[in-house]
Structures are given as structure tokens and as C-alpha cells.
């Protein structure tokens, strides 16, 4: 038990499991509060979809998911071999 406490004191505060749990709980609590604030605050939408319940939450989530999927696809598109930048003389290819 004493070693676990000592080990957790050595870790940076952002990598400690207790801090990670607190950040998740705080972030989810903030998300719930902000989504349900839509009942109290009157929206002034520019388009009809802006006024739907939780619009900014699901719009942000879908935008983030699209960016992650797009980045994965782009990574596959521009991926190079592991030895792409190796010296051509070492590999025996002198055409470059």
C-alpha cells in the first residue's frame, strides 16, 4: 500500500488515475449542465436546425468524429514505408 502511494506521488498529476477520473467526471458534468441549459436559455437560431435540443452537443460530436475518420483516411492515403527515408546506398538502390 505504501509503495502504491509513493508510485502515485511520482507520477505527473495529469497521468494519475485519480486525476483522470476526476477530469472525466468534471467534463461529463459540464456537458450535461450545458446541454440542459438549453431549457433555461432561449435560443435565437439563424436556421431551423440551430434551435433543436442539444444541437451544439451533437453537432460538435459529429464534427469531431468526422475529423478523426478523415484524419485516419488521410493517414492511409499518405502513408509511406517504414524505410522510406533510409539512405539509398545502404539498401543497394542507386537510381536516386
N, C-alpha and C. Protein backbone atom coordinates (compact mmCIF):
# COMPACT_ATOMS: atom_id res chain seq x y z
N UNK A 1 0.82 -1.19 0.00
CA UNK A 1 0.00 0.00 0.00
C UNK A 1 0.86 1.25 0.00
N UNK A 2 1.91 1.22 0.77
CA UNK A 2 2.80 2.37 0.86
C UNK A 2 3.52 2.60 -0.47
N UNK A 3 3.85 1.50 -1.18
CA UNK A 3 4.54 1.63 -2.46
C UNK A 3 3.61 2.23 -3.51
N UNK A 4 2.33 1.87 -3.47
CA UNK A 4 1.37 2.43 -4.42
C UNK A 4 1.23 3.93 -4.22
N UNK A 5 1.18 4.36 -2.97
CA UNK A 5 1.08 5.79 -2.67
C UNK A 5 2.32 6.52 -3.14
N UNK A 6 3.48 5.92 -2.92
CA UNK A 6 4.73 6.53 -3.35
C UNK A 6 4.80 6.60 -4.88
N UNK A 7 4.31 5.53 -5.54
CA UNK A 7 4.33 5.49 -7.00
C UNK A 7 3.40 6.56 -7.58
N UNK A 8 2.23 6.74 -6.96
CA UNK A 8 1.31 7.76 -7.47
C UNK A 8 1.84 9.16 -7.22
N UNK A 9 2.65 9.36 -6.18
CA UNK A 9 3.24 10.67 -5.94
C UNK A 9 4.32 10.98 -6.97
N UNK A 10 4.94 9.96 -7.52
CA UNK A 10 5.99 10.17 -8.52
C UNK A 10 5.41 10.54 -9.89
N UNK A 11 4.18 10.12 -10.17
CA UNK A 11 3.57 10.40 -11.45
C UNK A 11 3.18 11.88 -11.56
N UNK A 12 3.19 12.38 -12.78
CA UNK A 12 2.71 13.74 -13.03
C UNK A 12 1.22 13.78 -12.71
N UNK A 13 0.72 14.91 -12.27
CA UNK A 13 -0.65 14.95 -11.80
C UNK A 13 -1.68 14.68 -12.90
N UNK A 14 -1.34 14.91 -14.16
CA UNK A 14 -2.28 14.64 -15.24
C UNK A 14 -2.35 13.17 -15.64
N UNK A 15 -1.39 12.36 -15.20
CA UNK A 15 -1.39 10.94 -15.55
C UNK A 15 -1.83 10.05 -14.40
N UNK A 16 -2.10 10.62 -13.28
CA UNK A 16 -2.57 9.82 -12.15
C UNK A 16 -3.99 9.33 -12.43
N UNK A 17 -4.28 8.08 -12.14
CA UNK A 17 -5.63 7.55 -12.39
C UNK A 17 -6.73 8.33 -11.66
N UNK A 18 -6.45 8.79 -10.46
CA UNK A 18 -7.47 9.55 -9.72
C UNK A 18 -7.78 10.87 -10.41
N UNK A 19 -6.76 11.53 -10.94
CA UNK A 19 -6.96 12.79 -11.65
C UNK A 19 -7.73 12.57 -12.94
N UNK A 20 -7.42 11.50 -13.63
CA UNK A 20 -8.11 11.20 -14.90
C UNK A 20 -9.60 10.97 -14.63
N UNK A 21 -9.93 10.24 -13.57
CA UNK A 21 -11.34 10.01 -13.22
C UNK A 21 -12.03 11.33 -12.89
N UNK A 22 -11.34 12.19 -12.14
CA UNK A 22 -11.93 13.48 -11.77
C UNK A 22 -12.16 14.34 -13.01
N UNK A 23 -11.22 14.34 -13.96
CA UNK A 23 -11.38 15.12 -15.18
C UNK A 23 -12.54 14.61 -16.03
N UNK A 24 -12.69 13.28 -16.13
CA UNK A 24 -13.81 12.70 -16.87
C UNK A 24 -15.14 13.08 -16.22
N UNK A 25 -15.21 12.93 -14.89
CA UNK A 25 -16.46 13.27 -14.19
C UNK A 25 -16.78 14.75 -14.34
N UNK A 26 -15.77 15.60 -14.21
CA UNK A 26 -15.99 17.04 -14.36
C UNK A 26 -16.42 17.41 -15.77
N UNK A 27 -15.79 16.81 -16.77
CA UNK A 27 -16.15 17.09 -18.16
C UNK A 27 -17.55 16.64 -18.50
N UNK A 28 -17.92 15.44 -18.04
CA UNK A 28 -19.27 14.94 -18.31
C UNK A 28 -20.33 15.76 -17.57
N UNK A 29 -20.01 16.17 -16.35
CA UNK A 29 -20.93 17.02 -15.60
C UNK A 29 -21.14 18.35 -16.31
N UNK A 30 -20.05 18.94 -16.78
CA UNK A 30 -20.15 20.20 -17.52
C UNK A 30 -20.96 20.02 -18.79
N UNK A 31 -20.77 18.92 -19.49
CA UNK A 31 -21.52 18.65 -20.71
C UNK A 31 -23.01 18.55 -20.42
N UNK A 32 -23.38 17.81 -19.38
CA UNK A 32 -24.80 17.66 -19.03
C UNK A 32 -25.40 18.99 -18.64
N UNK A 33 -24.69 19.78 -17.84
CA UNK A 33 -25.20 21.09 -17.43
C UNK A 33 -25.41 21.99 -18.63
N UNK A 34 -24.46 22.00 -19.55
CA UNK A 34 -24.58 22.88 -20.71
C UNK A 34 -25.68 22.43 -21.66
N UNK A 35 -25.87 21.11 -21.81
CA UNK A 35 -26.93 20.63 -22.69
C UNK A 35 -28.29 20.98 -22.10
N UNK A 36 -28.44 20.76 -20.80
CA UNK A 36 -29.74 21.05 -20.18
C UNK A 36 -29.95 22.54 -19.93
N UNK A 37 -28.94 23.34 -20.12
CA UNK A 37 -29.12 24.79 -20.04
C UNK A 37 -29.98 25.29 -21.20
N UNK A 38 -30.14 24.46 -22.22
CA UNK A 38 -30.99 24.81 -23.34
C UNK A 38 -32.45 24.96 -22.95
N UNK A 39 -32.85 24.34 -21.83
CA UNK A 39 -34.22 24.53 -21.35
C UNK A 39 -34.41 25.90 -20.72
N UNK A 40 -33.37 26.44 -20.14
CA UNK A 40 -33.47 27.71 -19.42
C UNK A 40 -33.21 28.89 -20.35
N UNK A 41 -32.23 28.74 -21.23
CA UNK A 41 -31.83 29.83 -22.12
C UNK A 41 -32.64 29.75 -23.41
N UNK A 42 -33.17 30.86 -23.83
CA UNK A 42 -33.95 30.90 -25.06
C UNK A 42 -33.00 31.02 -26.25
N UNK A 43 -33.01 30.03 -27.15
CA UNK A 43 -32.11 30.12 -28.31
C UNK A 43 -32.65 31.12 -29.35
N UNK A 44 -31.74 31.72 -30.06
CA UNK A 44 -32.08 32.61 -31.17
C UNK A 44 -31.44 32.04 -32.43
N UNK A 45 -32.06 31.00 -33.00
CA UNK A 45 -31.42 30.30 -34.13
C UNK A 45 -31.47 31.11 -35.42
N UNK A 46 -30.42 30.95 -36.20
CA UNK A 46 -30.39 31.56 -37.53
C UNK A 46 -31.05 30.64 -38.55
N UNK A 47 -30.97 29.35 -38.29
CA UNK A 47 -31.59 28.34 -39.14
C UNK A 47 -32.50 27.50 -38.25
N UNK A 48 -33.39 26.73 -38.82
CA UNK A 48 -34.33 25.96 -38.00
C UNK A 48 -33.64 24.86 -37.20
N UNK A 49 -32.55 24.31 -37.72
CA UNK A 49 -31.86 23.22 -37.03
C UNK A 49 -31.09 23.72 -35.81
N UNK A 50 -30.73 25.00 -35.80
CA UNK A 50 -30.00 25.57 -34.66
C UNK A 50 -30.81 25.51 -33.37
N UNK A 51 -32.11 25.55 -33.48
CA UNK A 51 -32.96 25.60 -32.30
C UNK A 51 -33.29 24.25 -31.70
N UNK A 52 -32.84 23.15 -32.31
CA UNK A 52 -33.16 21.83 -31.78
C UNK A 52 -32.42 21.60 -30.47
N UNK A 53 -32.99 20.72 -29.65
CA UNK A 53 -32.41 20.44 -28.33
C UNK A 53 -31.05 19.77 -28.47
N UNK A 54 -30.04 20.32 -27.83
CA UNK A 54 -28.71 19.75 -27.82
C UNK A 54 -27.99 19.84 -29.15
N UNK A 55 -28.37 20.83 -29.97
CA UNK A 55 -27.78 20.95 -31.30
C UNK A 55 -26.26 21.06 -31.26
N UNK A 56 -25.75 21.93 -30.40
CA UNK A 56 -24.31 22.16 -30.38
C UNK A 56 -23.56 20.95 -29.85
N UNK A 57 -24.18 20.16 -29.00
CA UNK A 57 -23.53 18.96 -28.48
C UNK A 57 -23.39 17.90 -29.57
N UNK A 58 -24.50 17.59 -30.25
CA UNK A 58 -24.39 16.55 -31.28
C UNK A 58 -23.66 17.05 -32.53
N UNK A 59 -23.77 18.33 -32.83
CA UNK A 59 -23.03 18.88 -33.97
C UNK A 59 -21.52 18.81 -33.71
N UNK A 60 -21.11 19.17 -32.51
CA UNK A 60 -19.69 19.09 -32.14
C UNK A 60 -19.18 17.67 -32.15
N UNK A 61 -20.00 16.73 -31.64
CA UNK A 61 -19.59 15.33 -31.64
C UNK A 61 -19.44 14.80 -33.06
N UNK A 62 -20.41 15.07 -33.91
CA UNK A 62 -20.32 14.59 -35.29
C UNK A 62 -19.16 15.24 -36.05
N UNK A 63 -18.90 16.51 -35.79
CA UNK A 63 -17.77 17.19 -36.43
C UNK A 63 -16.45 16.56 -35.99
N UNK A 64 -16.33 16.29 -34.71
CA UNK A 64 -15.10 15.68 -34.19
C UNK A 64 -14.92 14.28 -34.76
N UNK A 65 -16.00 13.49 -34.79
CA UNK A 65 -15.92 12.14 -35.34
C UNK A 65 -15.53 12.18 -36.82
N UNK A 66 -16.08 13.13 -37.57
CA UNK A 66 -15.72 13.27 -38.98
C UNK A 66 -14.24 13.62 -39.15
N UNK A 67 -13.73 14.50 -38.28
CA UNK A 67 -12.32 14.87 -38.38
C UNK A 67 -11.41 13.69 -38.06
N UNK A 68 -11.78 12.87 -37.08
CA UNK A 68 -10.97 11.71 -36.74
C UNK A 68 -10.98 10.70 -37.88
N UNK A 69 -12.15 10.42 -38.43
CA UNK A 69 -12.25 9.47 -39.55
C UNK A 69 -11.51 10.02 -40.78
N UNK A 70 -11.65 11.31 -41.04
CA UNK A 70 -10.94 11.92 -42.16
C UNK A 70 -9.43 11.87 -41.98
N UNK A 71 -8.96 12.08 -40.75
CA UNK A 71 -7.52 12.02 -40.49
C UNK A 71 -6.99 10.60 -40.67
N UNK A 72 -7.77 9.61 -40.25
CA UNK A 72 -7.36 8.21 -40.45
C UNK A 72 -7.27 7.90 -41.94
N UNK A 73 -8.26 8.33 -42.71
CA UNK A 73 -8.24 8.08 -44.16
C UNK A 73 -7.08 8.81 -44.81
N UNK A 74 -6.82 10.04 -44.40
CA UNK A 74 -5.69 10.80 -44.95
C UNK A 74 -4.38 10.12 -44.60
N UNK A 75 -4.26 9.60 -43.38
CA UNK A 75 -3.05 8.88 -42.97
C UNK A 75 -2.80 7.65 -43.81
N UNK A 76 -3.86 6.93 -44.15
CA UNK A 76 -3.72 5.77 -45.02
C UNK A 76 -3.29 6.20 -46.41
N UNK A 77 -3.83 7.31 -46.86
CA UNK A 77 -3.53 7.81 -48.21
C UNK A 77 -2.07 8.23 -48.36
N UNK A 78 -1.50 8.89 -47.36
CA UNK A 78 -0.14 9.41 -47.48
C UNK A 78 0.90 8.56 -46.74
N UNK A 79 0.52 7.39 -46.28
CA UNK A 79 1.45 6.54 -45.54
C UNK A 79 2.60 6.10 -46.43
N UNK A 80 3.78 6.06 -45.86
CA UNK A 80 4.97 5.60 -46.56
C UNK A 80 5.53 4.38 -45.84
N UNK A 81 6.39 3.65 -46.53
CA UNK A 81 7.05 2.50 -45.91
C UNK A 81 7.91 2.98 -44.75
N UNK A 82 8.19 2.07 -43.85
CA UNK A 82 8.99 2.41 -42.68
C UNK A 82 10.40 2.85 -43.07
N UNK A 83 10.94 2.28 -44.13
CA UNK A 83 12.30 2.60 -44.55
C UNK A 83 12.32 3.59 -45.73
N UNK A 84 11.31 4.41 -45.86
CA UNK A 84 11.18 5.34 -46.98
C UNK A 84 12.33 6.35 -47.01
N UNK A 85 12.78 6.81 -45.86
CA UNK A 85 13.82 7.84 -45.81
C UNK A 85 15.22 7.27 -45.59
N UNK A 86 15.37 5.99 -45.66
CA UNK A 86 16.71 5.42 -45.48
C UNK A 86 17.61 5.80 -46.65
N UNK A 87 18.91 5.74 -46.39
CA UNK A 87 19.89 6.06 -47.41
C UNK A 87 19.81 5.02 -48.53
N UNK A 88 19.72 5.48 -49.78
CA UNK A 88 19.59 4.58 -50.90
C UNK A 88 20.83 3.69 -51.09
N UNK A 89 22.02 4.19 -50.69
CA UNK A 89 23.24 3.38 -50.84
C UNK A 89 23.22 2.19 -49.91
N UNK A 90 22.63 2.33 -48.74
CA UNK A 90 22.57 1.22 -47.80
C UNK A 90 21.66 0.12 -48.31
N UNK A 91 20.61 0.48 -49.01
CA UNK A 91 19.67 -0.52 -49.49
C UNK A 91 20.09 -1.10 -50.84
N UNK A 92 21.05 -0.51 -51.49
CA UNK A 92 21.52 -1.03 -52.77
C UNK A 92 20.81 -0.41 -53.96
N UNK A 93 19.93 0.52 -53.77
CA UNK A 93 19.20 1.18 -54.85
C UNK A 93 19.94 2.47 -55.19
N UNK A 94 20.65 2.51 -56.31
CA UNK A 94 21.45 3.68 -56.68
C UNK A 94 20.77 4.50 -57.77
N UNK A 95 19.49 4.31 -58.00
CA UNK A 95 18.79 5.03 -59.04
C UNK A 95 18.45 6.46 -58.64
N UNK A 96 18.51 6.76 -57.37
CA UNK A 96 18.11 8.09 -56.91
C UNK A 96 19.26 9.07 -56.95
